[in-house]
Amino acid sequence: MSSKYAGGPTETERCIESLMAVFQRYAGRDGNARSLSKKEFVTFMNTELASFSKNQKDPGVLDRMMKKLDMNCDGQLDFAEFLNLIGGLAEACHEHVLSSPTSGGPKRS
């Protein structure tokens, strides 16, 4: 992705490029570069979101996440389904920051 402006890509464009690169790093290891298999998803979670994965007391949490994210029930996560995960995590982090007493933002319950 390249910006039409001389200054190079914007911060948002760089973020999108980064998300695409991370998805591609894990997708295709099992043969289909357009989606993450369950094995690829688990590898992604254990590598990129290790603090989340390793702190789970429930060993089935990643299986349930994969099932919930897999909107078309094909056993794979395409890029749009992957973005649902990223968006959900970003939203949860944002809400956490807003509810922090030091954030200056409104508290939500």
N, C-alpha and C. Protein backbone atom coordinates (compact mmCIF):
# COMPACT_ATOMS: atom_id res chain seq x y z
N MET A 1 0.87 -1.16 0.00
CA MET A 1 0.00 0.00 0.00
C MET A 1 0.91 1.21 0.00
N SER A 2 0.66 2.12 -0.88
CA SER A 2 1.47 3.33 -0.89
C SER A 2 0.57 4.55 -0.93
N SER A 3 1.00 5.56 -0.24
CA SER A 3 0.23 6.79 -0.17
C SER A 3 0.45 7.60 -1.43
N LYS A 4 -0.55 8.35 -1.84
CA LYS A 4 -0.41 9.22 -3.00
C LYS A 4 0.30 10.51 -2.64
N TYR A 5 0.60 10.67 -1.36
CA TYR A 5 1.28 11.87 -0.91
C TYR A 5 2.77 11.63 -0.80
N ALA A 6 3.56 12.67 -0.98
CA ALA A 6 5.02 12.55 -1.04
C ALA A 6 5.64 12.07 0.27
N GLY A 7 5.00 12.27 1.39
CA GLY A 7 5.57 11.93 2.68
C GLY A 7 5.61 10.45 2.98
N GLY A 8 5.18 9.61 2.07
CA GLY A 8 5.13 8.17 2.33
C GLY A 8 3.83 7.77 2.97
N PRO A 9 3.74 6.51 3.36
CA PRO A 9 2.49 6.03 3.94
C PRO A 9 2.17 6.71 5.27
N THR A 10 0.91 6.88 5.52
CA THR A 10 0.45 7.44 6.79
C THR A 10 0.58 6.39 7.88
N GLU A 11 0.41 6.81 9.10
CA GLU A 11 0.45 5.87 10.23
C GLU A 11 -0.60 4.78 10.07
N THR A 12 -1.80 5.16 9.64
CA THR A 12 -2.87 4.19 9.45
C THR A 12 -2.53 3.22 8.32
N GLU A 13 -1.98 3.74 7.22
CA GLU A 13 -1.57 2.87 6.12
C GLU A 13 -0.49 1.89 6.57
N ARG A 14 0.44 2.35 7.38
CA ARG A 14 1.48 1.45 7.89
C ARG A 14 0.88 0.38 8.80
N CYS A 15 -0.12 0.74 9.59
CA CYS A 15 -0.79 -0.24 10.45
C CYS A 15 -1.49 -1.31 9.62
N ILE A 16 -2.15 -0.90 8.55
CA ILE A 16 -2.82 -1.85 7.67
C ILE A 16 -1.79 -2.77 7.01
N GLU A 17 -0.70 -2.19 6.53
CA GLU A 17 0.37 -3.00 5.94
C GLU A 17 0.90 -4.01 6.95
N SER A 18 1.05 -3.59 8.18
CA SER A 18 1.55 -4.46 9.22
C SER A 18 0.60 -5.61 9.50
N LEU A 19 -0.69 -5.33 9.59
CA LEU A 19 -1.68 -6.39 9.80
C LEU A 19 -1.68 -7.39 8.65
N MET A 20 -1.58 -6.87 7.43
CA MET A 20 -1.53 -7.75 6.26
C MET A 20 -0.28 -8.64 6.32
N ALA A 21 0.85 -8.06 6.68
CA ALA A 21 2.11 -8.82 6.75
C ALA A 21 2.04 -9.90 7.83
N VAL A 22 1.47 -9.57 8.98
CA VAL A 22 1.35 -10.57 10.05
C VAL A 22 0.44 -11.71 9.60
N PHE A 23 -0.69 -11.39 8.99
CA PHE A 23 -1.60 -12.43 8.50
C PHE A 23 -0.87 -13.33 7.52
N GLN A 24 -0.16 -12.74 6.57
CA GLN A 24 0.55 -13.52 5.55
C GLN A 24 1.69 -14.35 6.14
N ARG A 25 2.28 -13.90 7.22
CA ARG A 25 3.35 -14.65 7.87
C ARG A 25 2.85 -16.00 8.37
N TYR A 26 1.59 -16.06 8.79
CA TYR A 26 1.04 -17.29 9.35
C TYR A 26 0.15 -18.05 8.37
N ALA A 27 -0.56 -17.35 7.50
CA ALA A 27 -1.43 -18.00 6.52
C ALA A 27 -0.58 -18.69 5.47
N GLY A 28 -1.03 -19.80 5.00
CA GLY A 28 -0.35 -20.48 3.91
C GLY A 28 0.65 -21.52 4.34
N ARG A 29 0.96 -21.60 5.60
CA ARG A 29 1.89 -22.63 6.06
C ARG A 29 1.33 -24.02 5.79
N ASP A 30 0.00 -24.12 5.79
CA ASP A 30 -0.66 -25.39 5.51
C ASP A 30 -1.15 -25.48 4.07
N GLY A 31 -0.73 -24.55 3.21
CA GLY A 31 -1.07 -24.65 1.79
C GLY A 31 -2.00 -23.59 1.24
N ASN A 32 -2.82 -22.92 2.07
CA ASN A 32 -3.76 -21.93 1.57
C ASN A 32 -3.36 -20.56 2.13
N ALA A 33 -2.77 -19.72 1.28
CA ALA A 33 -2.28 -18.41 1.71
C ALA A 33 -3.39 -17.40 1.94
N ARG A 34 -4.63 -17.76 1.64
CA ARG A 34 -5.76 -16.84 1.82
C ARG A 34 -6.42 -16.97 3.18
N SER A 35 -6.00 -17.96 3.96
CA SER A 35 -6.67 -18.16 5.25
C SER A 35 -5.74 -18.84 6.24
N LEU A 36 -6.15 -18.75 7.51
CA LEU A 36 -5.45 -19.42 8.60
C LEU A 36 -6.19 -20.70 8.94
N SER A 37 -5.47 -21.81 8.94
CA SER A 37 -6.05 -23.06 9.44
C SER A 37 -6.07 -22.98 10.96
N LYS A 38 -6.69 -23.96 11.59
CA LYS A 38 -6.72 -23.99 13.05
C LYS A 38 -5.29 -24.04 13.60
N LYS A 39 -4.45 -24.85 13.00
CA LYS A 39 -3.06 -24.96 13.45
C LYS A 39 -2.33 -23.63 13.28
N GLU A 40 -2.54 -22.96 12.16
CA GLU A 40 -1.91 -21.66 11.92
C GLU A 40 -2.43 -20.61 12.90
N PHE A 41 -3.73 -20.65 13.18
CA PHE A 41 -4.33 -19.73 14.14
C PHE A 41 -3.71 -19.91 15.52
N VAL A 42 -3.56 -21.16 15.96
CA VAL A 42 -2.97 -21.43 17.27
C VAL A 42 -1.52 -20.95 17.30
N THR A 43 -0.79 -21.18 16.22
CA THR A 43 0.60 -20.70 16.14
C THR A 43 0.63 -19.18 16.23
N PHE A 44 -0.26 -18.51 15.49
CA PHE A 44 -0.36 -17.04 15.55
C PHE A 44 -0.63 -16.58 16.98
N MET A 45 -1.63 -17.16 17.61
CA MET A 45 -2.01 -16.74 18.96
C MET A 45 -0.86 -16.96 19.95
N ASN A 46 -0.20 -18.13 19.86
CA ASN A 46 0.86 -18.45 20.80
C ASN A 46 2.13 -17.64 20.57
N THR A 47 2.26 -17.07 19.37
CA THR A 47 3.44 -16.27 19.05
C THR A 47 3.16 -14.78 19.20
N GLU A 48 2.14 -14.30 18.51
CA GLU A 48 1.85 -12.87 18.45
C GLU A 48 1.07 -12.36 19.66
N LEU A 49 0.28 -13.21 20.25
CA LEU A 49 -0.54 -12.82 21.41
C LEU A 49 -0.27 -13.78 22.56
N ALA A 50 1.00 -14.08 22.77
CA ALA A 50 1.42 -15.08 23.74
C ALA A 50 0.96 -14.75 25.16
N SER A 51 0.99 -13.49 25.54
CA SER A 51 0.57 -13.15 26.90
C SER A 51 -0.90 -13.50 27.12
N PHE A 52 -1.72 -13.34 26.09
CA PHE A 52 -3.12 -13.73 26.19
C PHE A 52 -3.24 -15.25 26.26
N SER A 53 -2.60 -15.94 25.33
CA SER A 53 -2.72 -17.40 25.22
C SER A 53 -2.18 -18.11 26.46
N LYS A 54 -1.03 -17.70 26.91
CA LYS A 54 -0.36 -18.40 28.01
C LYS A 54 -1.04 -18.18 29.35
N ASN A 55 -1.80 -17.09 29.48
CA ASN A 55 -2.45 -16.79 30.75
C ASN A 55 -3.86 -17.37 30.85
N GLN A 56 -4.28 -18.13 29.86
CA GLN A 56 -5.61 -18.74 29.89
C GLN A 56 -5.60 -19.99 30.76
N LYS A 57 -6.53 -20.07 31.66
CA LYS A 57 -6.65 -21.27 32.50
C LYS A 57 -7.44 -22.36 31.78
N ASP A 58 -8.25 -21.97 30.83
CA ASP A 58 -9.09 -22.90 30.09
C ASP A 58 -8.38 -23.34 28.81
N PRO A 59 -8.00 -24.61 28.70
CA PRO A 59 -7.26 -25.07 27.52
C PRO A 59 -8.07 -25.02 26.22
N GLY A 60 -9.38 -24.92 26.31
CA GLY A 60 -10.22 -24.90 25.12
C GLY A 60 -10.53 -23.52 24.57
N VAL A 61 -9.96 -22.48 25.18
CA VAL A 61 -10.32 -21.12 24.79
C VAL A 61 -9.96 -20.82 23.33
N LEU A 62 -8.82 -21.26 22.85
CA LEU A 62 -8.43 -20.97 21.46
C LEU A 62 -9.34 -21.71 20.48
N ASP A 63 -9.74 -22.92 20.81
CA ASP A 63 -10.67 -23.65 19.95
C ASP A 63 -12.01 -22.92 19.84
N ARG A 64 -12.50 -22.42 20.98
CA ARG A 64 -13.78 -21.70 20.96
C ARG A 64 -13.65 -20.37 20.22
N MET A 65 -12.51 -19.70 20.38
CA MET A 65 -12.30 -18.45 19.65
C MET A 65 -12.32 -18.71 18.15
N MET A 66 -11.59 -19.73 17.73
CA MET A 66 -11.52 -20.07 16.30
C MET A 66 -12.93 -20.35 15.77
N LYS A 67 -13.69 -21.13 16.51
CA LYS A 67 -15.04 -21.48 16.08
C LYS A 67 -15.93 -20.24 15.98
N LYS A 68 -15.82 -19.34 16.95
CA LYS A 68 -16.64 -18.13 16.94
C LYS A 68 -16.24 -17.18 15.81
N LEU A 69 -14.95 -17.08 15.53
CA LEU A 69 -14.46 -16.19 14.47
C LEU A 69 -14.76 -16.73 13.08
N ASP A 70 -14.85 -18.04 12.94
CA ASP A 70 -15.05 -18.70 11.64
C ASP A 70 -16.51 -18.57 11.21
N MET A 71 -16.84 -17.39 10.69
CA MET A 71 -18.24 -17.06 10.38
C MET A 71 -18.86 -17.97 9.31
N ASN A 72 -18.08 -18.44 8.35
CA ASN A 72 -18.64 -19.30 7.30
C ASN A 72 -18.43 -20.78 7.59
N CYS A 73 -17.93 -21.10 8.77
CA CYS A 73 -17.80 -22.47 9.27
C CYS A 73 -17.02 -23.38 8.31
N ASP A 74 -15.94 -22.85 7.73
CA ASP A 74 -15.14 -23.66 6.82
C ASP A 74 -13.86 -24.19 7.47
N GLY A 75 -13.70 -23.95 8.78
CA GLY A 75 -12.53 -24.43 9.49
C GLY A 75 -11.29 -23.59 9.25
N GLN A 76 -11.46 -22.44 8.62
CA GLN A 76 -10.36 -21.54 8.31
C GLN A 76 -10.77 -20.12 8.69
N LEU A 77 -9.78 -19.25 8.91
CA LEU A 77 -10.06 -17.83 9.12
C LEU A 77 -9.50 -17.07 7.94
N ASP A 78 -10.40 -16.45 7.16
CA ASP A 78 -9.92 -15.59 6.08
C ASP A 78 -9.52 -14.24 6.68
N PHE A 79 -9.03 -13.34 5.85
CA PHE A 79 -8.53 -12.07 6.36
C PHE A 79 -9.62 -11.27 7.07
N ALA A 80 -10.84 -11.28 6.54
CA ALA A 80 -11.93 -10.54 7.18
C ALA A 80 -12.24 -11.12 8.56
N GLU A 81 -12.25 -12.44 8.67
CA GLU A 81 -12.50 -13.08 9.96
C GLU A 81 -11.35 -12.78 10.94
N PHE A 82 -10.13 -12.77 10.44
CA PHE A 82 -8.96 -12.41 11.23
C PHE A 82 -9.10 -10.98 11.75
N LEU A 83 -9.57 -10.08 10.89
CA LEU A 83 -9.75 -8.68 11.31
C LEU A 83 -10.80 -8.55 12.40
N ASN A 84 -11.79 -9.45 12.43
CA ASN A 84 -12.76 -9.43 13.53
C ASN A 84 -12.06 -9.69 14.86
N LEU A 85 -11.08 -10.60 14.87
CA LEU A 85 -10.30 -10.85 16.07
C LEU A 85 -9.52 -9.61 16.47
N ILE A 86 -8.80 -9.03 15.52
CA ILE A 86 -7.98 -7.86 15.80
C ILE A 86 -8.86 -6.70 16.28
N GLY A 87 -9.98 -6.49 15.61
CA GLY A 87 -10.89 -5.41 16.01
C GLY A 87 -11.45 -5.62 17.40
N GLY A 88 -11.82 -6.85 17.71
CA GLY A 88 -12.36 -7.15 19.04
C GLY A 88 -11.32 -6.92 20.13
N LEU A 89 -10.09 -7.35 19.86
CA LEU A 89 -9.02 -7.13 20.83
C LEU A 89 -8.73 -5.64 21.00
N ALA A 90 -8.69 -4.92 19.89
CA ALA A 90 -8.44 -3.48 19.95
C ALA A 90 -9.55 -2.77 20.72
N GLU A 91 -10.78 -3.16 20.49
CA GLU A 91 -11.91 -2.56 21.20
C GLU A 91 -11.82 -2.83 22.70
N ALA A 92 -11.48 -4.07 23.07
CA ALA A 92 -11.36 -4.41 24.49
C ALA A 92 -10.24 -3.60 25.14
N CYS A 93 -9.12 -3.46 24.45
CA CYS A 93 -8.01 -2.67 24.98
C CYS A 93 -8.42 -1.20 25.13
N HIS A 94 -9.13 -0.69 24.14
CA HIS A 94 -9.58 0.70 24.18
C HIS A 94 -10.52 0.93 25.36
N GLU A 95 -11.45 0.03 25.56
CA GLU A 95 -12.38 0.14 26.69
C GLU A 95 -11.63 0.08 28.01
N HIS A 96 -10.63 -0.78 28.08
CA HIS A 96 -9.84 -0.89 29.30
C HIS A 96 -9.12 0.43 29.59
N VAL A 97 -8.54 1.03 28.57
CA VAL A 97 -7.85 2.31 28.74
C VAL A 97 -8.83 3.38 29.18
N LEU A 98 -10.01 3.41 28.57
CA LEU A 98 -11.01 4.42 28.95
C LEU A 98 -11.50 4.26 30.38
N SER A 99 -11.52 3.03 30.85
CA SER A 99 -12.03 2.80 32.22
C SER A 99 -10.94 2.95 33.27
N SER A 100 -9.71 3.13 32.84
CA SER A 100 -8.60 3.29 33.77
C SER A 100 -8.74 4.63 34.49
N PRO A 101 -8.49 4.64 35.80
CA PRO A 101 -8.62 5.90 36.55
C PRO A 101 -7.63 6.97 36.09
N THR A 102 -6.55 6.59 35.45
CA THR A 102 -5.57 7.57 35.02
C THR A 102 -5.77 8.03 33.58
N SER A 103 -6.76 7.48 32.89
CA SER A 103 -6.95 7.80 31.47
C SER A 103 -7.58 9.17 31.25
N GLY A 104 -8.32 9.64 32.22
CA GLY A 104 -9.02 10.90 32.05
C GLY A 104 -10.31 10.73 31.26
N GLY A 105 -10.54 9.55 30.77
CA GLY A 105 -11.76 9.27 30.00
C GLY A 105 -12.90 8.91 30.92
N PRO A 106 -14.10 8.88 30.38
CA PRO A 106 -15.26 8.52 31.18
C PRO A 106 -15.19 7.05 31.59
N LYS A 107 -15.60 6.77 32.80
CA LYS A 107 -15.64 5.39 33.26
C LYS A 107 -16.92 4.75 32.74
N ARG A 108 -16.75 3.51 32.32
CA ARG A 108 -17.90 2.76 31.82
C ARG A 108 -18.07 1.53 32.67
N SER A 109 -19.30 1.10 32.84
CA SER A 109 -19.52 -0.10 33.63
C SER A 109 -20.20 -1.17 32.84
